[in-house]
Amino acid sequence: MNVKDFQWKKDITVKELIQQYGQVGFQSVELAKAADVFVKMKKNSAKVFLTFTSNMVTSGLRGFFAQLIKLKFADVIVTTVGGLEEDIMKANGEKFSVGRFEADDVELHEQGVNRVGNLFVKNESYMNFEDWITPVLDELYQKQKRWAVSELLREIGLKLNDENSILYQAAKNNVPIFCPAITDGAFGFHLYLFQQKHSDFIVDVVKDFGNILFCTSHDDKKAVIALGGSISKHHAILCTLLNGGANYAVYMTTAQRTSGSMSGATTNEAKSWGKVKDDSDVATVIGDVTIMFPLAMIKALEELSEEGLLE
C-alpha cells in the first residue's frame, strides 16, 4: 500500500474521510485500522467490552456511549466511579460548562467550581447528587442488604429516565456495568457514610469480579475497546486473559508505551500476557479520545448501517 494524497470533496462523509486516512500516514493509518476492527468485531458477533475513564463522561462523549449501548454495540461496560456519578448528575439535569485549560484554579476553588481539563463542574452538582443518592440507598437497603456492584448499578439505572444516560441505557438493555473501584469518588464516600448507619449493608466487589469473569467464556469471541487506561482497561483485559484472550482489541490513549503504565500499554504488549490472542485484529491509536473515537466509530457505524447490521 502506498501513501496517497488526501483530498477534500464536497459533502464528504465520515466513512470516506476515514477511508482516506488509511493511506495518509502516522496515526491516521491507525485510526482507519481501528474503524475496521470495530466493524470486524461486530460482524463476527464478538462480545464487546467497552471501557472508559470518568473524564470522558464529564465530556459530551457520555451520550455517545449511551447510544452505543442502545445500538447493541457494547455488551459489557467497565468504568470508574466518577463517570457514574456524573452520569447520574447529568440525568438529573446538572449542567457542566466548557472553560479554559488556563483558568485561574484558585479563583475557581473560591467559586466552588472544580476543573477537569477545560470542563467545569460545580460543587453544587455534588451536593445535589448526595440529595438524590441517599434516599436511593435507603430504598435499596430495604430491598436487600448485600449487593454486587453491577447489580447495585443496574438498580440505580432503572431509576433514571434519560436516553443519554449510560446507566439508564445499560439497565434498559441488560448490559452490565462493572466498576471495581466503586469507592474512588463521591459515591464511595456516601456508601461509607451509609454503612456507618447500617453495618450490615455490603457492596461486594469480589463477587462482582466473579460476575465479570463468568459473563463470557473461552468459546466466546471477545473484543475490547479501551478508551484511556487505568483500572477500567485492566479489569476488562484481565477477564479476557482468564477466558483465553481477546480476538479483537482497540486501544485509544494519550499515554505513551515508554512509561510502562497500563494506560500506555499497547495491544501488542497485551499479547505477551495472553490478554489479546496472538492472531487477533488490533489497533493502538495515540491521541485524544474525544476526537479519535467518534471519527473511527462513526465510520464503522455508517458501514454497518449500510449493510443492515445495526439494530
Protein backbone atom coordinates (compact mmCIF):
# COMPACT_ATOMS: atom_id res chain seq x y z
CA MET A 1 0.00 0.00 0.00
CA ASN A 2 1.32 3.43 -0.96
CA VAL A 3 0.85 6.82 0.66
CA LYS A 4 -1.96 8.67 -1.07
CA ASP A 5 -2.53 12.43 -1.06
CA PHE A 6 -5.56 13.48 0.96
CA GLN A 7 -8.27 15.30 -0.98
CA TRP A 8 -11.33 17.17 0.23
CA LYS A 9 -14.54 16.87 -1.72
CA LYS A 10 -17.91 18.49 -1.21
CA ASP A 11 -20.24 16.57 1.11
CA ILE A 12 -17.53 14.12 2.17
CA THR A 13 -18.84 11.55 4.66
CA VAL A 14 -17.07 10.40 7.81
CA LYS A 15 -16.70 6.98 6.19
CA GLU A 16 -14.93 8.49 3.18
CA LEU A 17 -12.77 10.67 5.43
CA ILE A 18 -11.53 7.72 7.50
CA GLN A 19 -11.01 5.58 4.40
CA GLN A 20 -8.66 8.28 3.10
CA TYR A 21 -6.91 8.37 6.47
CA GLY A 22 -5.86 4.77 5.83
CA GLN A 23 -3.27 5.97 3.32
CA VAL A 24 -2.24 9.31 4.81
CA GLY A 25 0.27 8.01 7.36
CA PHE A 26 1.16 8.11 11.07
CA GLN A 27 -1.83 7.98 13.46
CA SER A 28 -4.31 8.47 10.61
CA VAL A 29 -3.47 4.93 9.47
CA GLU A 30 -4.02 3.52 12.98
CA LEU A 31 -7.33 5.38 13.27
CA ALA A 32 -8.56 3.89 10.00
CA LYS A 33 -7.41 0.47 11.20
CA ALA A 34 -9.34 0.94 14.45
CA ALA A 35 -12.52 1.64 12.48
CA ASP A 36 -12.01 -1.57 10.51
CA VAL A 37 -11.53 -3.56 13.73
CA PHE A 38 -14.78 -2.10 15.10
CA VAL A 39 -16.60 -3.41 12.01
CA LYS A 40 -14.99 -6.85 12.28
CA MET A 41 -15.86 -7.32 15.94
CA LYS A 42 -19.50 -6.52 15.24
CA LYS A 43 -19.74 -8.63 12.08
CA ASN A 44 -18.22 -11.61 13.87
CA SER A 45 -20.58 -11.34 16.84
CA ALA A 46 -17.83 -10.76 19.39
CA LYS A 47 -18.76 -9.87 22.95
CA VAL A 48 -17.61 -6.26 23.20
CA PHE A 49 -16.11 -4.91 26.42
CA LEU A 50 -16.24 -1.10 26.27
CA THR A 51 -14.01 0.58 28.87
CA PHE A 52 -13.53 4.27 29.53
CA THR A 53 -12.36 6.61 32.26
CA SER A 54 -14.57 9.06 34.09
CA ASN A 55 -13.25 12.21 32.39
CA MET A 56 -14.84 11.01 29.15
CA VAL A 57 -18.25 11.04 30.85
CA THR A 58 -17.54 14.58 32.04
CA SER A 59 -17.30 15.40 28.34
CA GLY A 60 -20.03 15.08 25.75
CA LEU A 61 -18.96 11.52 24.90
CA ARG A 62 -21.34 10.38 27.63
CA GLY A 63 -24.35 10.46 25.30
CA PHE A 64 -22.40 8.65 22.56
CA PHE A 65 -21.54 5.81 24.93
CA ALA A 66 -25.22 5.54 25.88
CA GLN A 67 -26.15 5.48 22.19
CA LEU A 68 -23.69 2.63 21.52
CA ILE A 69 -25.34 0.61 24.28
CA LYS A 70 -28.75 1.31 22.73
CA LEU A 71 -27.41 0.21 19.32
CA LYS A 72 -26.28 -3.11 20.87
CA PHE A 73 -22.64 -2.36 20.09
CA ALA A 74 -21.39 -2.68 23.66
CA ASP A 75 -22.13 -5.85 25.65
CA VAL A 76 -20.18 -5.10 28.82
CA ILE A 77 -19.17 -1.73 30.31
CA VAL A 78 -16.20 -1.22 32.63
CA THR A 79 -15.58 2.25 34.02
CA THR A 80 -14.63 4.31 37.05
CA VAL A 81 -16.99 5.73 39.63
CA GLY A 82 -16.53 9.41 38.75
CA GLY A 83 -18.19 8.86 35.40
CA LEU A 84 -21.14 7.09 37.01
CA GLU A 85 -21.65 9.93 39.47
CA GLU A 86 -21.55 12.44 36.65
CA ASP A 87 -23.89 10.32 34.52
CA ILE A 88 -26.41 10.49 37.37
CA MET A 89 -25.84 14.23 37.77
CA LYS A 90 -26.47 14.89 34.08
CA ALA A 91 -29.51 12.60 34.07
CA ASN A 92 -30.91 14.75 36.87
CA GLY A 93 -30.39 17.97 34.93
CA GLU A 94 -26.95 19.13 36.09
CA LYS A 95 -25.02 21.16 33.51
CA PHE A 96 -21.24 21.15 33.07
CA SER A 97 -19.60 24.07 31.31
CA VAL A 98 -16.71 24.46 28.87
CA GLY A 99 -13.98 26.68 30.25
CA ARG A 100 -10.25 27.02 29.66
CA PHE A 101 -7.23 24.87 30.50
CA GLU A 102 -5.53 28.10 31.62
CA ALA A 103 -8.26 29.12 34.08
CA ASP A 104 -7.30 30.54 37.48
CA ASP A 105 -7.73 27.45 39.67
CA VAL A 106 -7.51 29.34 42.96
CA GLU A 107 -10.34 31.58 41.79
CA LEU A 108 -12.36 28.56 40.65
CA HIS A 109 -11.92 26.95 44.06
CA GLU A 110 -13.21 30.09 45.76
CA GLN A 111 -16.24 30.00 43.44
CA GLY A 112 -16.96 26.34 44.24
CA VAL A 113 -16.02 25.14 40.78
CA ASN A 114 -13.92 22.06 40.00
CA ARG A 115 -11.88 21.85 36.79
CA VAL A 116 -11.48 18.71 34.66
CA GLY A 117 -9.17 19.86 31.87
CA ASN A 118 -11.21 22.62 30.24
CA LEU A 119 -14.53 21.44 31.70
CA PHE A 120 -16.05 22.91 34.88
CA VAL A 121 -18.19 21.06 37.44
CA LYS A 122 -19.84 22.96 40.32
CA ASN A 123 -19.73 21.78 43.94
CA GLU A 124 -23.50 22.25 43.88
CA SER A 125 -23.76 19.32 41.47
CA TYR A 126 -22.14 17.05 44.05
CA MET A 127 -24.46 18.29 46.77
CA ASN A 128 -27.45 17.59 44.56
CA PHE A 129 -26.01 14.14 43.85
CA GLU A 130 -25.88 13.49 47.61
CA ASP A 131 -29.51 14.58 47.99
CA TRP A 132 -30.51 12.12 45.23
CA ILE A 133 -28.38 9.10 46.14
CA THR A 134 -29.08 8.98 49.89
CA PRO A 135 -32.78 8.03 49.65
CA VAL A 136 -31.94 5.64 46.80
CA LEU A 137 -29.51 3.78 49.07
CA ASP A 138 -32.19 3.67 51.77
CA GLU A 139 -34.60 2.11 49.31
CA LEU A 140 -32.07 -0.45 48.08
CA TYR A 141 -31.14 -1.36 51.65
CA GLN A 142 -34.77 -2.17 52.37
CA LYS A 143 -34.78 -4.43 49.31
CA GLN A 144 -31.65 -6.37 50.30
CA LYS A 145 -28.57 -5.88 52.45
CA ARG A 146 -25.80 -7.22 50.18
CA TRP A 147 -25.20 -6.07 46.61
CA ALA A 148 -22.68 -6.90 43.93
CA VAL A 149 -21.58 -3.60 42.38
CA SER A 150 -23.04 -4.30 38.92
CA GLU A 151 -26.38 -5.31 40.45
CA LEU A 152 -26.45 -2.11 42.51
CA LEU A 153 -25.68 -0.02 39.42
CA ARG A 154 -28.44 -1.73 37.44
CA GLU A 155 -30.99 -0.81 40.12
CA ILE A 156 -29.81 2.79 40.02
CA GLY A 157 -30.03 2.85 36.21
CA LEU A 158 -33.66 1.72 36.40
CA LYS A 159 -34.44 4.82 38.48
CA LEU A 160 -33.16 7.23 35.83
CA ASN A 161 -35.12 8.46 32.84
CA ASP A 162 -32.64 9.87 30.35
CA GLU A 163 -31.95 8.39 26.91
CA ASN A 164 -28.44 9.89 27.07
CA SER A 165 -27.64 8.17 30.35
CA ILE A 166 -25.16 5.29 30.35
CA LEU A 167 -26.69 3.75 33.48
CA TYR A 168 -30.21 4.07 32.08
CA GLN A 169 -29.42 2.51 28.71
CA ALA A 170 -27.36 -0.26 30.31
CA ALA A 171 -30.19 -1.20 32.68
CA LYS A 172 -32.78 -0.99 29.90
CA ASN A 173 -30.71 -3.18 27.56
CA ASN A 174 -29.39 -5.65 30.16
CA VAL A 175 -25.77 -4.56 29.72
CA PRO A 176 -23.78 -4.98 32.94
CA ILE A 177 -21.67 -2.11 34.22
CA PHE A 178 -18.62 -3.09 36.26
CA CYS A 179 -16.90 -0.55 38.49
CA PRO A 180 -14.18 -2.28 40.51
CA ALA A 181 -13.11 0.94 42.25
CA ILE A 182 -16.60 1.91 43.37
CA THR A 183 -15.23 3.76 46.45
CA ASP A 184 -12.87 6.01 44.46
CA GLY A 185 -15.11 9.07 44.39
CA ALA A 186 -18.04 10.88 45.98
CA PHE A 187 -20.23 7.80 45.62
CA GLY A 188 -17.75 5.79 47.69
CA PHE A 189 -17.91 8.42 50.43
CA HIS A 190 -21.70 8.16 50.55
CA LEU A 191 -21.51 4.35 50.62
CA TYR A 192 -19.14 4.65 53.58
CA LEU A 193 -21.44 7.04 55.46
CA PHE A 194 -24.44 4.80 54.78
CA GLN A 195 -22.56 1.77 56.10
CA GLN A 196 -21.79 3.63 59.33
CA LYS A 197 -25.53 3.74 59.96
CA HIS A 198 -26.19 0.24 58.61
CA SER A 199 -23.25 -2.05 59.35
CA ASP A 200 -24.90 -4.98 57.56
CA PHE A 201 -25.01 -3.07 54.27
CA ILE A 202 -22.38 -4.66 51.99
CA VAL A 203 -21.28 -3.70 48.47
CA ASP A 204 -19.45 -6.81 47.29
CA VAL A 205 -16.60 -6.03 44.86
CA VAL A 206 -15.18 -9.57 44.98
CA LYS A 207 -18.50 -11.11 43.97
CA ASP A 208 -18.61 -8.73 41.03
CA PHE A 209 -15.18 -9.93 39.92
CA GLY A 210 -16.80 -13.34 39.56
CA ASN A 211 -19.67 -11.79 37.64
CA ILE A 212 -17.38 -10.26 35.02
CA LEU A 213 -15.36 -13.47 34.71
CA PHE A 214 -18.49 -15.53 34.06
CA CYS A 215 -20.14 -13.04 31.70
CA THR A 216 -18.03 -14.61 28.92
CA SER A 217 -16.19 -17.87 28.22
CA HIS A 218 -13.27 -19.38 26.31
CA ASP A 219 -15.67 -20.24 23.49
CA ASP A 220 -16.94 -16.68 23.00
CA LYS A 221 -15.29 -14.33 20.56
CA LYS A 222 -14.24 -11.38 22.66
CA ALA A 223 -13.41 -7.77 21.83
CA VAL A 224 -12.04 -4.91 23.93
CA ILE A 225 -12.41 -1.20 23.20
CA ALA A 226 -10.25 0.51 25.83
CA LEU A 227 -10.54 4.30 25.87
CA GLY A 228 -7.89 5.65 28.17
CA GLY A 229 -6.40 3.26 30.67
CA SER A 230 -6.33 2.65 34.41
CA ILE A 231 -8.41 0.09 36.26
CA SER A 232 -11.24 0.12 33.69
CA LYS A 233 -8.98 -1.13 30.90
CA HIS A 234 -7.18 -3.67 33.07
CA HIS A 235 -10.32 -5.14 34.61
CA ALA A 236 -11.64 -5.97 31.14
CA ILE A 237 -8.42 -7.40 29.70
CA LEU A 238 -7.80 -9.42 32.85
CA CYS A 239 -11.19 -11.01 32.22
CA THR A 240 -10.25 -11.78 28.61
CA LEU A 241 -6.89 -13.21 29.78
CA LEU A 242 -8.65 -15.66 32.09
CA ASN A 243 -11.02 -16.61 29.25
CA GLY A 244 -8.48 -17.30 26.51
CA GLY A 245 -7.69 -13.78 25.27
CA ALA A 246 -9.47 -11.21 23.10
CA ASN A 247 -9.94 -11.76 19.37
CA TYR A 248 -10.21 -8.01 18.71
CA ALA A 249 -8.80 -5.02 20.58
CA VAL A 250 -8.66 -1.29 20.03
CA TYR A 251 -6.83 0.94 22.49
CA MET A 252 -7.04 4.74 22.35
CA THR A 253 -4.92 6.81 24.71
CA THR A 254 -2.72 9.86 25.10
CA ALA A 255 -0.27 7.86 27.24
CA GLN A 256 2.97 6.53 25.81
CA ARG A 257 4.19 2.92 25.85
CA THR A 258 7.57 4.05 27.21
CA SER A 259 6.02 4.78 30.64
CA GLY A 260 5.40 1.10 31.34
CA SER A 261 1.91 2.03 32.54
CA MET A 262 -1.38 0.28 31.95
CA SER A 263 -2.64 3.42 30.23
CA GLY A 264 0.27 3.41 27.77
CA ALA A 265 0.43 -0.34 27.20
CA THR A 266 -0.28 -1.24 23.56
CA THR A 267 -2.33 -4.07 22.09
CA ASN A 268 0.94 -5.77 21.11
CA GLU A 269 2.17 -5.67 24.70
CA ALA A 270 -1.10 -7.31 25.73
CA LYS A 271 -0.21 -10.31 23.56
CA SER A 272 2.76 -11.08 25.82
CA TRP A 273 0.30 -11.60 28.69
CA GLY A 274 -2.27 -13.53 26.66
CA LYS A 275 -4.85 -10.78 27.20
CA VAL A 276 -5.07 -10.47 23.43
CA LYS A 277 -4.69 -13.50 21.15
CA ASP A 278 -1.55 -13.80 19.01
CA ASP A 279 -3.54 -13.67 15.76
CA SER A 280 -6.05 -11.03 16.85
CA ASP A 281 -7.08 -7.93 14.91
CA VAL A 282 -5.78 -4.96 16.88
CA ALA A 283 -5.07 -1.23 16.70
CA THR A 284 -3.49 1.22 19.13
CA VAL A 285 -4.31 4.87 18.47
CA ILE A 286 -2.36 7.59 20.24
CA GLY A 287 -4.48 10.71 20.57
CA ASP A 288 -7.36 12.46 22.31
CA VAL A 289 -10.32 10.09 22.60
CA THR A 290 -12.83 12.94 22.26
CA ILE A 291 -11.53 13.41 18.71
CA MET A 292 -10.37 9.96 17.67
CA PHE A 293 -13.15 7.71 18.97
CA PRO A 294 -16.18 9.42 17.38
CA LEU A 295 -14.43 9.51 13.99
CA ALA A 296 -13.46 5.83 14.00
CA MET A 297 -16.74 4.60 15.49
CA ILE A 298 -18.97 6.70 13.22
CA LYS A 299 -17.12 5.31 10.19
CA ALA A 300 -17.84 1.82 11.50
CA LEU A 301 -21.49 2.62 12.25
CA GLU A 302 -22.01 4.06 8.76
CA GLU A 303 -20.58 0.90 7.19
CA LEU A 304 -22.59 -1.43 9.42
CA SER A 305 -25.77 0.59 8.85
CA GLU A 306 -25.35 0.40 5.08
CA GLU A 307 -25.14 -3.39 5.39
CA GLY A 308 -28.18 -3.60 7.69
CA LEU A 309 -26.15 -4.86 10.65
CA LEU A 310 -27.26 -2.32 13.24
CA GLU A 311 -30.32 -2.97 15.41
